[in-house]
PDB file of N, CA and C in Angstrom:
ATOM      1  N   MET A   1      99.908  86.445  51.556  1.00  0.00           N
ATOM      2  CA  MET A   1     101.122  85.864  52.568  1.00  0.00           C
ATOM      3  C   MET A   1     102.298  86.664  51.938  1.00  0.00           C
ATOM      4  N   ALA A   2     103.081  86.704  52.984  1.00  0.00           N
ATOM      5  CA  ALA A   2     104.162  88.069  52.769  1.00  0.00           C
ATOM      6  C   ALA A   2     105.484  86.781  52.813  1.00  0.00           C
ATOM      7  N   ASP A   3     106.780  87.266  52.701  1.00  0.00           N
ATOM      8  CA  ASP A   3     107.662  87.117  52.278  1.00  0.00           C
ATOM      9  C   ASP A   3     108.200  86.681  53.381  1.00  0.00           C
ATOM     10  N   ILE A   4     108.977  85.350  53.736  1.00  0.00           N
ATOM     11  CA  ILE A   4     110.262  85.273  54.587  1.00  0.00           C
ATOM     12  C   ILE A   4     111.172  85.432  54.707  1.00  0.00           C
ATOM     13  N   LEU A   5     111.913  86.479  55.144  1.00  0.00           N
ATOM     14  CA  LEU A   5     113.559  87.136  55.294  1.00  0.00           C
ATOM     15  C   LEU A   5     113.916  86.089  56.168  1.00  0.00           C
ATOM     16  N   PRO A   6     115.571  85.272  55.495  1.00  0.00           N
ATOM     17  CA  PRO A   6     116.506  85.070  56.528  1.00  0.00           C
ATOM     18  C   PRO A   6     116.782  85.676  57.427  1.00  0.00           C
ATOM     19  N   PHE A   7     116.912  85.019  58.859  1.00  0.00           N
ATOM     20  CA  PHE A   7     117.541  86.360  59.296  1.00  0.00           C
ATOM     21  C   PHE A   7     119.384  86.237  59.448  1.00  0.00           C
ATOM     22  N   GLN A   8     119.553  87.478  59.659  1.00  0.00           N
ATOM     23  CA  GLN A   8     121.511  87.770  59.614  1.00  0.00           C
ATOM     24  C   GLN A   8     121.838  88.608  60.661  1.00  0.00           C
ATOM     25  N   ARG A   9     123.505  87.239  60.485  1.00  0.00           N
ATOM     26  CA  ARG A   9     123.792  87.680  61.884  1.00  0.00           C
ATOM     27  C   ARG A   9     125.278  88.579  61.309  1.00  0.00           C
ATOM     28  N   LYS A  10     125.875  88.707  62.386  1.00  0.00           N
ATOM     29  CA  LYS A  10     126.277  90.349  61.955  1.00  0.00           C
ATOM     30  C   LYS A  10     127.614  88.595  62.208  1.00  0.00           C
ATOM     31  N   PRO A  11     128.271  88.317  61.541  1.00  0.00           N
ATOM     32  CA  PRO A  11     130.119  88.457  61.456  1.00  0.00           C
ATOM     33  C   PRO A  11     130.872  88.474  62.544  1.00  0.00           C
ATOM     34  N   LYS A  12     131.635  87.430  63.372  1.00  0.00           N
ATOM     35  CA  LYS A  12     131.935  87.974  64.736  1.00  0.00           C
ATOM     36  C   LYS A  12     133.309  88.452  64.723  1.00  0.00           C
ATOM     37  N   THR A  13     133.309  89.139  64.992  1.00  0.00           N
ATOM     38  CA  THR A  13     134.923  89.907  64.884  1.00  0.00           C
ATOM     39  C   THR A  13     135.824  89.996  65.910  1.00  0.00           C
ATOM     40  N   PRO A  14     136.560  88.895  66.242  1.00  0.00           N
ATOM     41  CA  PRO A  14     137.854  88.531  66.895  1.00  0.00           C
ATOM     42  C   PRO A  14     138.770  90.128  67.072  1.00  0.00           C
ATOM     43  N   ALA A  15     138.839  90.561  66.360  1.00  0.00           N
ATOM     44  CA  ALA A  15     140.276  91.477  66.569  1.00  0.00           C
ATOM     45  C   ALA A  15     139.749  92.340  67.077  1.00  0.00           C
ATOM     46  N   THR A  16     138.077  93.282  66.908  1.00  0.00           N
ATOM     47  CA  THR A  16     137.160  93.954  68.305  1.00  0.00           C
ATOM     48  C   THR A  16     137.864  93.790  69.827  1.00  0.00           C
ATOM     49  N   LYS A  17     137.440  92.534  70.031  1.00  0.00           N
ATOM     50  CA  LYS A  17     137.315  91.582  71.446  1.00  0.00           C
ATOM     51  C   LYS A  17     138.970  92.006  71.892  1.00  0.00           C
ATOM     52  N   ARG A  18     140.128  91.420  70.636  1.00  0.00           N
ATOM     53  CA  ARG A  18     141.141  91.472  71.195  1.00  0.00           C
ATOM     54  C   ARG A  18     141.552  92.896  71.223  1.00  0.00           C
ATOM     55  N   SER A  19     141.493  94.031  70.761  1.00  0.00           N
ATOM     56  CA  SER A  19     142.140  95.180  71.147  1.00  0.00           C
ATOM     57  C   SER A  19     141.197  95.333  72.284  1.00  0.00           C
ATOM     58  N   ALA A  20     140.444  95.311  72.468  1.00  0.00           N
ATOM     59  CA  ALA A  20     139.820  95.955  73.760  1.00  0.00           C
ATOM     60  C   ALA A  20     140.298  95.567  75.144  1.00  0.00           C
ATOM     61  N   LEU A  21     140.723  93.773  74.686  1.00  0.00           N
ATOM     62  CA  LEU A  21     141.540  93.878  76.194  1.00  0.00           C
ATOM     63  C   LEU A  21     142.532  93.796  75.835  1.00  0.00           C
ATOM     64  N   CYS A  22     143.551  94.427  75.660  1.00  0.00           N
ATOM     65  CA  CYS A  22     145.063  94.796  75.296  1.00  0.00           C
ATOM     66  C   CYS A  22     144.741  96.523  75.759  1.00  0.00           C
ATOM     67  N   ALA A  23     143.657  96.841  74.728  1.00  0.00           N
ATOM     68  CA  ALA A  23     143.774  98.786  75.406  1.00  0.00           C
ATOM     69  C   ALA A  23     143.167  99.079  76.969  1.00  0.00           C
ATOM     70  N   ASN A  24     142.873  97.660  77.616  1.00  0.00           N
ATOM     71  CA  ASN A  24     142.462  97.994  78.951  1.00  0.00           C
ATOM     72  C   ASN A  24     143.102  97.014  79.963  1.00  0.00           C
ATOM     73  N   GLY A  25     144.480  97.088  78.998  1.00  0.00           N
ATOM     74  CA  GLY A  25     145.677  96.293  79.935  1.00  0.00           C
ATOM     75  C   GLY A  25     145.668  95.284  80.424  1.00  0.00           C
ATOM     76  N   HIS A  26     144.855  94.401  79.460  1.00  0.00           N
ATOM     77  CA  HIS A  26     145.353  92.529  79.645  1.00  0.00           C
ATOM     78  C   HIS A  26     145.825  92.240  77.991  1.00  0.00           C
ATOM     79  N   HIS A  27     146.694  91.888  78.318  1.00  0.00           N
ATOM     80  CA  HIS A  27     147.921  91.313  77.350  1.00  0.00           C
ATOM     81  C   HIS A  27     148.558  90.168  77.293  1.00  0.00           C
ATOM     82  N   ARG A  28     148.553  89.352  76.518  1.00  0.00           N
ATOM     83  CA  ARG A  28     149.385  88.287  76.689  1.00  0.00           C
ATOM     84  C   ARG A  28     150.277  88.583  76.646  1.00  0.00           C
ATOM     85  N   TRP A  29     151.055  87.852  77.799  1.00  0.00           N
ATOM     86  CA  TRP A  29     152.192  88.503  77.105  1.00  0.00           C
ATOM     87  C   TRP A  29     153.414  86.853  76.948  1.00  0.00           C
ATOM     88  N   VAL A  30     154.116  86.626  75.760  1.00  0.00           N
ATOM     89  CA  VAL A  30     154.741  85.960  75.539  1.00  0.00           C
ATOM     90  C   VAL A  30     156.488  85.797  75.212  1.00  0.00           C
ATOM     91  N   VAL A  31     156.704  85.242  75.777  1.00  0.00           N
ATOM     92  CA  VAL A  31     158.590  85.667  75.743  1.00  0.00           C
ATOM     93  C   VAL A  31     158.778  84.936  74.273  1.00  0.00           C
ATOM     94  N   TRP A  32     159.799  86.156  73.226  1.00  0.00           N
ATOM     95  CA  TRP A  32     159.746  86.755  71.930  1.00  0.00           C
ATOM     96  C   TRP A  32     161.092  86.392  71.781  1.00  0.00           C
ATOM     97  N   GLN A  33     162.393  87.391  72.464  1.00  0.00           N
ATOM     98  CA  GLN A  33     163.405  87.445  72.575  1.00  0.00           C
ATOM     99  C   GLN A  33     164.361  86.667  74.089  1.00  0.00           C
ATOM    100  N   SER A  34     164.564  86.007  74.266  1.00  0.00           N
ATOM    101  CA  SER A  34     164.989  85.086  75.272  1.00  0.00           C
ATOM    102  C   SER A  34     166.743  85.466  75.454  1.00  0.00           C
ATOM    103  N   LYS A  35     167.425  86.077  76.338  1.00  0.00           N
ATOM    104  CA  LYS A  35     168.534  86.152  76.939  1.00  0.00           C
ATOM    105  C   LYS A  35     169.170  87.003  76.181  1.00  0.00           C
ATOM    106  N   PRO A  36     169.096  88.208  75.557  1.00  0.00           N
ATOM    107  CA  PRO A  36     169.939  89.002  74.702  1.00  0.00           C
ATOM    108  C   PRO A  36     171.154  89.380  76.467  1.00  0.00           C
ATOM    109  N   PHE A  37     171.892  90.298  75.952  1.00  0.00           N
ATOM    110  CA  PHE A  37     172.537  90.692  76.651  1.00  0.00           C
ATOM    111  C   PHE A  37     172.618  92.301  76.720  1.00  0.00           C
ATOM    112  N   ASP A  38     172.436  93.214  77.832  1.00  0.00           N
ATOM    113  CA  ASP A  38     172.400  94.566  77.614  1.00  0.00           C
ATOM    114  C   ASP A  38     174.094  94.984  78.823  1.00  0.00           C
ATOM    115  N   VAL A  39     174.576  95.518  77.548  1.00  0.00           N
ATOM    116  CA  VAL A  39     176.523  95.768  77.517  1.00  0.00           C
ATOM    117  C   VAL A  39     176.212  97.283  78.630  1.00  0.00           C
ATOM    118  N   LYS A  40     175.165  98.075  78.066  1.00  0.00           N
ATOM    119  CA  LYS A  40     175.056  99.299  79.442  1.00  0.00           C
ATOM    120  C   LYS A  40     174.460  98.632  80.831  1.00  0.00           C
ATOM    121  N   ARG A  41     173.683  97.880  81.025  1.00  0.00           N
ATOM    122  CA  ARG A  41     173.225  96.887  82.346  1.00  0.00           C
ATOM    123  C   ARG A  41     174.600  96.035  82.883  1.00  0.00           C
ATOM    124  N   GLY A  42     174.714  95.520  82.042  1.00  0.00           N
ATOM    125  CA  GLY A  42     175.432  93.959  82.522  1.00  0.00           C
ATOM    126  C   GLY A  42     174.612  93.094  83.033  1.00  0.00           C
ATOM    127  N   LYS A  43     173.011  92.828  82.657  1.00  0.00           N
ATOM    128  CA  LYS A  43     172.476  92.185  82.957  1.00  0.00           C
ATOM    129  C   LYS A  43     172.112  90.959  81.751  1.00  0.00           C
ATOM    130  N   LEU A  44     171.138  90.197  81.697  1.00  0.00           N
ATOM    131  CA  LEU A  44     170.414  89.290  80.514  1.00  0.00           C
ATOM    132  C   LEU A  44     169.035  89.984  81.099  1.00  0.00           C
ATOM    133  N   VAL A  45     168.475  90.112  79.735  1.00  0.00           N
ATOM    134  CA  VAL A  45     167.348  90.878  79.281  1.00  0.00           C
ATOM    135  C   VAL A  45     165.559  90.032  78.408  1.00  0.00           C
ATOM    136  N   THR A  46     165.024  89.838  79.134  1.00  0.00           N
ATOM    137  CA  THR A  46     164.209  88.617  78.583  1.00  0.00           C
ATOM    138  C   THR A  46     163.063  89.728  77.484  1.00  0.00           C
ATOM    139  N   VAL A  47     162.855  89.735  76.642  1.00  0.00           N
ATOM    140  CA  VAL A  47     161.516  91.111  75.269  1.00  0.00           C
ATOM    141  C   VAL A  47     160.700  89.490  75.563  1.00  0.00           C
ATOM    142  N   TYR A  48     159.103  90.415  75.606  1.00  0.00           N
ATOM    143  CA  TYR A  48     158.171  89.533  76.184  1.00  0.00           C
ATOM    144  C   TYR A  48     157.088  90.538  75.313  1.00  0.00           C
ATOM    145  N   ARG A  49     156.415  90.384  74.022  1.00  0.00           N
ATOM    146  CA  ARG A  49     155.522  90.533  73.091  1.00  0.00           C
ATOM    147  C   ARG A  49     154.394  89.789  73.437  1.00  0.00           C
ATOM    148  N   CYS A  50     153.377  90.925  73.047  1.00  0.00           N
ATOM    149  CA  CYS A  50     151.821  90.839  73.321  1.00  0.00           C
ATOM    150  C   CYS A  50     151.377  89.513  72.212  1.00  0.00           C
ATOM    151  N   GLU A  51     150.842  88.477  72.322  1.00  0.00           N
ATOM    152  CA  GLU A  51     150.230  88.013  71.209  1.00  0.00           C
ATOM    153  C   GLU A  51     149.367  88.926  70.288  1.00  0.00           C
ATOM    154  N   ARG A  52     148.762  89.011  71.021  1.00  0.00           N
ATOM    155  CA  ARG A  52     147.376  89.894  70.392  1.00  0.00           C
ATOM    156  C   ARG A  52     147.833  91.175  69.692  1.00  0.00           C
ATOM    157  N   CYS A  53     148.223  92.357  70.406  1.00  0.00           N
ATOM    158  CA  CYS A  53     148.787  93.833  69.492  1.00  0.00           C
ATOM    159  C   CYS A  53     150.295  93.971  69.293  1.00  0.00           C
ATOM    160  N   GLY A  54     151.322  93.004  69.508  1.00  0.00           N
ATOM    161  CA  GLY A  54     152.454  93.541  69.393  1.00  0.00           C
ATOM    162  C   GLY A  54     153.195  94.378  70.105  1.00  0.00           C
ATOM    163  N   ALA A  55     152.751  94.657  71.363  1.00  0.00           N
ATOM    164  CA  ALA A  55     153.607  95.478  72.329  1.00  0.00           C
ATOM    165  C   ALA A  55     154.160  94.691  73.087  1.00  0.00           C
ATOM    166  N   GLU A  56     155.517  95.410  72.917  1.00  0.00           N
ATOM    167  CA  GLU A  56     156.859  94.946  73.896  1.00  0.00           C
ATOM    168  C   GLU A  56     156.896  95.277  75.044  1.00  0.00           C
ATOM    169  N   ARG A  57     157.447  95.093  76.230  1.00  0.00           N
ATOM    170  CA  ARG A  57     158.451  94.760  77.186  1.00  0.00           C
ATOM    171  C   ARG A  57     159.621  94.042  77.447  1.00  0.00           C
ATOM    172  N   SER A  58     160.478  94.382  78.441  1.00  0.00           N
ATOM    173  CA  SER A  58     161.248  94.170  78.718  1.00  0.00           C
ATOM    174  C   SER A  58     161.699  93.995  79.911  1.00  0.00           C
ATOM    175  N   GLU A  59     162.192  92.938  80.858  1.00  0.00           N
ATOM    176  CA  GLU A  59     162.938  92.765  82.352  1.00  0.00           C
ATOM    177  C   GLU A  59     164.434  92.078  82.146  1.00  0.00           C
ATOM    178  N   SER A  60     164.788  92.494  82.757  1.00  0.00           N
ATOM    179  CA  SER A  60     165.806  92.638  83.306  1.00  0.00           C
ATOM    180  C   SER A  60     166.590  92.033  84.628  1.00  0.00           C
ATOM    181  N   LYS A  61     167.201  90.124  84.069  1.00  0.00           N
ATOM    182  CA  LYS A  61     167.306  89.857  85.396  1.00  0.00           C
ATOM    183  C   LYS A  61     168.872  89.826  85.968  1.00  0.00           C
TER     184      LYS A  61
END
């Protein structure tokens, strides 16, 4: 008889799915820096950072 070999599964790679989501524009934005003041515009600015990839965007109010 032949020896039975165990079935080997590939380890899950959540980093691959995370980068694929962000590459397609599906970021998970969270407030990174709340209410810094923009001197040139004279407005409050909220800075958002993506939890997955670290991309940043800002929004002035």
